[in-house]
Protein backbone atom coordinates (compact mmCIF):
# COMPACT_ATOMS: atom_id res chain seq x y z
CA MET A 1 -66.57 48.23 -39.85
CA ARG A 2 -65.31 51.91 -38.19
CA ARG A 3 -61.80 52.30 -38.73
CA VAL A 4 -59.67 53.36 -35.94
CA GLY A 5 -56.87 55.53 -36.26
CA PRO A 6 -56.04 58.84 -37.39
CA PRO A 7 -58.76 61.26 -40.08
CA PRO A 8 -57.48 60.76 -43.55
CA ASN A 9 -55.07 63.37 -44.90
CA THR A 10 -53.85 64.03 -41.41
CA VAL A 11 -50.47 65.18 -41.30
CA ILE A 12 -48.92 62.54 -37.95
CA PRO A 13 -45.45 63.98 -36.50
CA TYR A 14 -42.09 62.26 -37.74
CA ASP A 15 -41.50 60.83 -33.60
CA GLN A 16 -45.04 59.51 -33.22
CA GLU A 17 -44.86 57.31 -36.60
CA VAL A 18 -41.65 55.79 -35.73
CA ASN A 19 -43.37 54.90 -32.40
CA MET A 20 -46.65 53.70 -34.13
CA ALA A 21 -44.25 51.41 -36.39
CA ALA A 22 -42.62 50.22 -33.17
CA GLN A 23 -45.66 49.35 -31.42
CA GLY A 24 -47.28 47.62 -34.90
CA SER A 25 -44.02 45.46 -35.36
CA ALA A 26 -43.91 44.21 -31.47
CA HIS A 27 -47.77 43.33 -32.13
CA GLN A 28 -47.24 41.37 -35.03
CA ARG A 29 -44.39 39.35 -32.74
CA HIS A 30 -46.74 38.78 -30.13
CA HIS A 31 -49.56 37.05 -32.42
CA ARG A 32 -46.24 35.39 -34.45
CA MET A 33 -45.28 33.66 -30.74
CA GLY A 34 -47.75 30.96 -30.52
CA PRO A 35 -47.65 27.33 -28.68
CA GLY A 36 -46.11 25.89 -31.61
CA MET A 37 -42.92 28.64 -31.70
CA LEU A 38 -42.67 27.87 -27.61
CA GLY A 39 -42.63 24.24 -28.68
CA ASP A 40 -39.55 24.42 -31.25
CA LYS A 41 -37.67 26.49 -28.97
CA PHE A 42 -38.00 24.18 -25.83
CA THR A 43 -36.88 21.12 -28.28
CA HIS A 44 -33.99 23.03 -29.74
CA SER A 45 -32.70 23.30 -25.97
CA LEU A 46 -33.30 20.09 -25.25
CA ARG A 47 -31.35 19.13 -28.38
CA ARG A 48 -28.48 21.29 -27.14
CA ARG A 49 -28.58 20.02 -23.71
CA SER A 50 -28.58 15.99 -25.25
CA ASN A 51 -25.49 17.07 -26.58
CA ARG A 52 -23.48 17.46 -23.47
CA PRO A 53 -22.08 14.15 -21.96
CA ASP A 54 -24.26 12.25 -19.60
CA ARG A 55 -22.27 11.07 -16.58
CA SER A 56 -25.43 9.26 -15.00
CA GLU A 57 -23.68 5.71 -15.46
CA ILE A 58 -21.04 6.64 -13.24
CA ASN A 59 -21.39 6.62 -9.92
CA PRO A 60 -20.17 9.66 -7.72
CA PHE A 61 -19.15 7.36 -4.40
CA VAL A 62 -17.44 4.84 -6.49
CA LYS A 63 -15.52 7.64 -7.79
CA TYR A 64 -14.45 9.64 -5.52
CA PHE A 65 -14.06 6.80 -2.92
CA LEU A 66 -11.49 5.06 -5.40
CA PHE A 67 -9.65 8.23 -5.82
CA PHE A 68 -9.40 9.59 -1.87
CA PHE A 69 -8.58 5.96 -0.93
CA ASN A 70 -5.18 6.33 -2.98
CA PHE A 71 -4.61 9.96 -3.04
CA LEU A 72 -4.03 9.13 0.87
CA PHE A 73 -2.11 6.05 0.50
CA PHE A 74 -0.33 7.82 -2.31
CA LEU A 75 1.01 10.80 0.02
CA LEU A 76 1.87 7.90 2.55
CA GLY A 77 3.99 6.18 0.04
CA LEU A 78 5.59 8.80 -0.92
CA GLY A 79 6.94 9.85 2.38
CA MET A 80 8.08 6.60 3.11
CA LEU A 81 10.01 6.56 -0.43
CA VAL A 82 11.54 9.93 0.27
CA LEU A 83 12.57 8.87 4.32
CA GLY A 84 13.76 5.91 3.12
CA ILE A 85 16.13 7.49 0.42
CA TYR A 86 17.14 10.20 2.92
CA ILE A 87 18.22 7.77 5.30
CA LEU A 88 20.53 5.59 3.06
CA VAL A 89 21.88 8.47 1.85
CA VAL A 90 23.08 10.00 5.41
CA LYS A 91 24.12 6.30 5.76
CA GLU A 92 25.96 6.02 3.09
CA LYS A 93 24.20 2.71 2.70
CA THR A 94 25.70 0.38 0.20
CA VAL A 95 23.65 -2.74 -0.44
CA SER A 96 26.35 -5.86 -1.58
CA ASN A 97 23.43 -8.43 -1.45
CA TRP A 98 19.73 -9.38 -0.22
CA ILE A 99 20.64 -9.83 3.01
CA ASP A 100 21.86 -6.21 3.53
CA PHE A 101 18.42 -5.62 1.77
CA LEU A 102 16.20 -7.73 3.97
CA PHE A 103 17.67 -6.71 6.96
CA ASP A 104 17.60 -3.19 6.25
CA PRO A 105 14.58 -1.43 7.08
CA ALA A 106 15.54 1.82 5.24
CA CYS A 107 15.50 -0.83 2.32
CA LEU A 108 13.07 -2.91 2.66
CA VAL A 109 10.20 -1.20 4.36
CA LEU A 110 10.69 2.48 3.40
CA SER A 111 12.35 2.05 0.03
CA LEU A 112 11.14 -0.66 -1.65
CA GLY A 113 7.22 -0.57 0.25
CA GLY A 114 7.28 3.28 -0.44
CA SER A 115 8.07 3.05 -4.38
CA ILE A 116 5.54 0.39 -4.87
CA ILE A 117 2.54 1.85 -2.95
CA THR A 118 3.87 5.48 -4.73
CA PHE A 119 3.62 3.72 -8.42
CA ILE A 120 0.15 1.80 -7.73
CA THR A 121 -1.94 4.75 -6.36
CA PHE A 122 -0.83 7.30 -8.93
CA PHE A 123 -2.41 4.79 -11.46
CA GLY A 124 -5.28 4.64 -9.22
CA ALA A 125 -5.90 8.34 -7.87
CA TYR A 126 -5.68 9.61 -11.63
CA GLY A 127 -7.02 7.11 -13.27
CA SER A 128 -10.36 7.84 -10.71
CA LEU A 129 -10.23 11.61 -11.14
CA ARG A 130 -9.74 11.66 -14.74
CA GLU A 131 -11.38 8.34 -15.57
CA ASN A 132 -8.97 7.02 -17.26
CA ILE A 133 -9.66 3.45 -18.16
CA CYS A 134 -5.75 2.90 -19.31
CA CYS A 135 -4.69 4.06 -15.40
CA LEU A 136 -7.15 2.35 -13.93
CA GLN A 137 -6.37 -1.28 -15.37
CA VAL A 138 -2.76 -0.33 -14.29
CA PHE A 139 -4.03 0.10 -10.80
CA SER A 140 -6.23 -3.23 -10.96
CA ILE A 141 -3.68 -5.51 -12.36
CA SER A 142 -0.88 -4.14 -10.19
CA MET A 143 -3.21 -4.66 -7.08
CA ALA A 144 -4.16 -8.26 -8.42
CA ILE A 145 -0.05 -8.88 -8.85
CA CYS A 146 0.19 -7.79 -5.26
CA LEU A 147 -2.39 -9.53 -3.32
CA LEU A 148 -1.52 -12.50 -5.67
CA LEU A 149 2.16 -12.31 -4.02
CA GLU A 150 0.93 -12.26 -0.33
CA VAL A 151 -1.42 -14.92 -0.54
CA LEU A 152 1.96 -16.94 -1.97
CA LEU A 153 3.88 -15.48 0.91
CA ILE A 154 1.00 -16.89 3.54
CA VAL A 155 0.83 -20.12 1.97
CA LEU A 156 4.72 -20.66 1.81
CA VAL A 157 5.11 -19.65 5.21
CA PHE A 158 2.22 -22.42 6.22
CA VAL A 159 3.29 -24.86 3.91
CA PHE A 160 7.14 -24.56 5.97
CA TYR A 161 5.98 -25.06 9.19
CA PHE A 162 2.84 -27.67 9.03
CA VAL A 163 4.60 -29.83 5.98
CA ASP A 164 7.52 -31.43 7.45
CA ASP A 165 10.65 -31.23 5.03
CA ALA A 166 8.58 -29.63 2.12
CA PHE A 167 11.30 -26.91 1.24
CA ALA A 168 14.09 -29.73 1.84
CA ASP A 169 12.42 -31.98 -0.88
CA ILE A 170 12.81 -29.44 -3.17
CA GLY A 171 15.84 -28.30 -2.53
CA LEU A 172 15.58 -24.89 -0.12
CA TYR A 173 16.80 -24.17 3.16
CA PRO A 174 15.53 -20.94 4.49
CA GLU A 175 17.91 -21.41 7.75
CA ASP A 176 21.07 -21.36 5.45
CA ALA A 177 20.22 -17.90 3.38
CA LEU A 178 19.52 -16.36 7.36
CA GLU A 179 22.64 -17.83 8.37
CA ASP A 180 24.53 -14.96 6.87
CA ALA A 181 22.63 -12.03 8.87
CA VAL A 182 23.94 -13.65 11.65
CA VAL A 183 27.52 -13.78 10.40
CA LYS A 184 26.77 -10.18 9.69
CA TYR A 185 25.65 -8.85 12.68
CA ARG A 186 28.31 -6.29 13.96
CA ASP A 187 28.98 -5.39 10.31
CA ASP A 188 25.59 -3.14 9.87
CA PRO A 189 23.65 -1.35 12.72
CA ASP A 190 21.08 -1.74 11.36
CA MET A 191 20.69 -5.28 10.83
CA GLN A 192 22.20 -5.68 14.31
CA GLY A 193 19.14 -3.95 15.37
CA LEU A 194 16.60 -5.60 14.07
CA ILE A 195 18.39 -9.31 14.88
CA ASP A 196 17.98 -7.65 18.54
CA ASN A 197 14.14 -6.88 18.09
CA ILE A 198 13.10 -10.16 16.55
CA GLN A 199 14.98 -12.25 18.84
CA GLU A 200 13.71 -9.88 21.75
CA LEU A 201 9.81 -10.40 20.15
CA LEU A 202 10.01 -14.39 19.36
CA SER A 203 11.77 -15.39 22.63
CA CYS A 204 14.29 -16.89 20.72
CA CYS A 205 17.84 -16.91 20.11
CA GLY A 206 20.13 -17.62 16.17
CA VAL A 207 17.97 -18.81 13.60
CA SER A 208 17.68 -22.79 12.94
CA LYS A 209 14.08 -24.16 13.54
CA ASP A 210 15.22 -26.55 16.34
CA ASP A 211 15.98 -26.08 20.16
CA GLU A 212 19.32 -25.30 20.01
CA GLY A 213 19.51 -22.32 17.64
CA TYR A 214 21.88 -20.75 19.91
CA LYS A 215 24.83 -22.58 18.36
CA ASP A 216 23.95 -20.58 15.34
CA TRP A 217 25.91 -17.56 17.01
CA ASN A 218 29.18 -20.05 16.72
CA LYS A 219 29.30 -18.86 12.97
CA ASN A 220 29.88 -15.22 13.87
CA LEU A 221 33.37 -13.71 13.66
CA TYR A 222 33.18 -11.94 16.93
CA PHE A 223 31.09 -14.82 19.21
CA GLN A 224 32.51 -17.50 17.84
CA CYS A 225 34.22 -20.07 20.42
CA SER A 226 37.43 -21.54 19.32
CA ASP A 227 40.67 -21.30 20.84
CA ASP A 228 42.25 -18.74 18.39
CA ASN A 229 39.36 -15.95 18.72
CA PHE A 230 40.72 -13.11 21.00
CA SER A 231 37.94 -10.96 20.97
CA PRO A 232 35.80 -10.15 24.11
CA GLU A 233 32.58 -11.80 23.07
CA ALA A 234 34.08 -14.79 22.28
CA CYS A 235 32.02 -18.11 23.40
CA SER A 236 29.31 -15.50 24.14
CA VAL A 237 25.71 -14.32 22.73
CA PRO A 238 23.98 -11.14 21.97
CA PHE A 239 22.14 -9.84 25.02
CA SER A 240 18.51 -10.25 23.06
CA CYS A 241 19.12 -13.76 23.56
CA CYS A 242 18.77 -13.12 27.42
CA ARG A 243 15.59 -13.93 29.40
CA ILE A 244 15.00 -10.37 31.01
CA SER A 245 12.07 -10.00 33.62
CA GLY A 246 10.29 -7.31 33.41
CA GLY A 247 11.37 -4.11 34.93
CA ASP A 248 15.25 -5.73 34.84
CA GLN A 249 18.01 -3.59 33.63
CA ILE A 250 19.86 -4.82 30.58
CA ASN A 251 22.52 -6.37 31.01
CA TYR A 252 24.69 -6.55 27.84
CA GLN A 253 26.91 -9.04 29.04
CA CYS A 254 24.39 -11.59 29.98
CA GLY A 255 24.93 -13.82 27.50
CA ALA A 256 29.06 -14.57 27.91
CA GLY A 257 29.97 -17.88 27.76
CA MET A 258 27.11 -19.30 26.90
CA LEU A 259 28.44 -21.00 23.64
CA LYS A 260 30.87 -23.17 26.20
CA ASP A 261 29.73 -26.65 26.61
CA ASN A 262 30.07 -26.56 30.19
CA ALA A 263 27.86 -23.27 30.44
CA LEU A 264 26.04 -23.38 33.82
CA ASP A 265 22.15 -22.42 34.00
CA ARG A 266 22.15 -21.92 30.03
CA GLU A 267 18.44 -22.21 29.67
CA ARG A 268 17.65 -20.19 33.04
CA LYS A 269 19.72 -17.51 31.08
CA ILE A 270 18.90 -17.38 27.60
CA TYR A 271 16.63 -18.66 25.01
CA THR A 272 17.93 -21.88 23.42
CA GLN A 273 15.42 -22.07 20.43
CA GLY A 274 16.27 -20.69 16.97
CA CYS A 275 13.90 -17.72 15.95
CA LEU A 276 12.32 -20.02 13.13
CA LYS A 277 10.83 -22.39 16.08
CA GLY A 278 10.19 -19.36 18.36
CA LEU A 279 8.12 -17.80 15.13
CA GLU A 280 7.03 -21.49 14.71
CA ASN A 281 5.32 -21.35 18.34
CA VAL A 282 4.06 -18.01 17.88
CA ILE A 283 2.03 -18.55 14.76
CA LYS A 284 0.55 -21.91 16.28
CA ASP A 285 -0.38 -19.92 19.87
CA ASN A 286 -2.14 -17.06 17.71
CA ILE A 287 -3.60 -19.02 14.51
CA TRP A 288 -6.89 -17.07 14.84
CA ILE A 289 -5.49 -13.87 15.78
CA TYR A 290 -3.15 -14.18 12.74
CA GLY A 291 -5.71 -15.85 10.68
CA GLY A 292 -7.81 -12.39 11.27
CA VAL A 293 -5.21 -10.16 10.56
CA ILE A 294 -4.14 -11.56 7.30
CA PHE A 295 -8.00 -11.54 6.26
CA GLY A 296 -7.84 -7.97 7.38
CA VAL A 297 -5.38 -6.61 5.11
CA LEU A 298 -6.17 -8.72 2.12
CA LEU A 299 -10.00 -7.99 1.82
CA PRO A 300 -9.72 -4.55 1.47
CA GLN A 301 -7.31 -4.65 -1.09
CA ALA A 302 -9.70 -7.14 -3.03
CA PHE A 303 -12.44 -4.84 -2.52
CA VAL A 304 -10.62 -1.97 -3.93
CA ILE A 305 -9.86 -3.90 -6.83
CA CYS A 306 -13.79 -4.34 -7.48
CA VAL A 307 -14.44 -0.89 -6.98
CA ALA A 308 -11.61 0.06 -9.79
CA LYS A 309 -13.44 -2.84 -12.09
CA ALA A 310 -16.64 -1.30 -11.48
CA LEU A 311 -15.52 2.13 -12.42
CA VAL A 312 -13.77 1.05 -15.38
CA PHE A 313 -17.07 -0.73 -16.62
CA GLN A 314 -18.97 2.30 -15.89
CA VAL A 315 -16.37 4.61 -17.40
CA LYS A 316 -17.05 2.20 -20.63
CA GLU A 317 -21.29 2.32 -20.33
CA GLN A 318 -20.97 6.13 -20.64
CA MET A 319 -18.51 6.15 -23.38
CA LEU A 320 -20.99 4.20 -25.24
CA LYS A 321 -23.68 7.58 -24.77
CA TRP A 322 -21.25 9.89 -26.24
């Protein structure tokens, strides 16, 4: 076999010897790099990748839908809370009883509603973004409690109006509780404005669940019809009790003398039914509309609870792979 290379006893320069050694080493590595070596490297790469967390069990749509839904409502609730606190501080409002709280929009709607929305949606947004099971469970349980309370309130309203004497049989009289708002009508401007809006909206006067609700204003110190009441508004009712046609200017004295027994054209000038009676008529006249609104409010909440439960299940399934 013919030998390839320099002749025997030939002196090779140092630089050339180094280059030949490097070429030989590369040639040997090339021969050693066979299919087996490539397979080992590929298997090792797959093993390294398999050590990384697999997110395939978590649906990105479920995760980010829940996050953005809660984040938007978190901003809304935080804005309501800040605005409510600001209004209460500016007004120097003092809440002495539940009537003051219930009939003040800054307390009930902005402060209480904003704080509840902020609390619940914080856990929903953080839990969905960080895939935190504890926060997601707090969110879903809180939403379920709110949903049950809303359903309970709706049931109580329908029982009150469609089951005769249901509340009286258990010793509850909503009319007596709401009469405190009539008594404090002039004491709180916010309560006064809210009562006026309710009476105009429901075409009613007073609180009672009958056709003589206007007589409830006899319990107010300013409107009381008695011989020892020297108030300019004695024997009157608020202007919001008056029947005002569209386009007519508001006459703030339109309810003067309407509490007197010999008042003329009372039913033509003012609404005589109480607001609980007026609410009953509105519900009966628009039962299907209000039913649709109720389902439109409750169903999205139930859907979000289901989405949160689904994300909790997906996170648990993913944790089993770690």
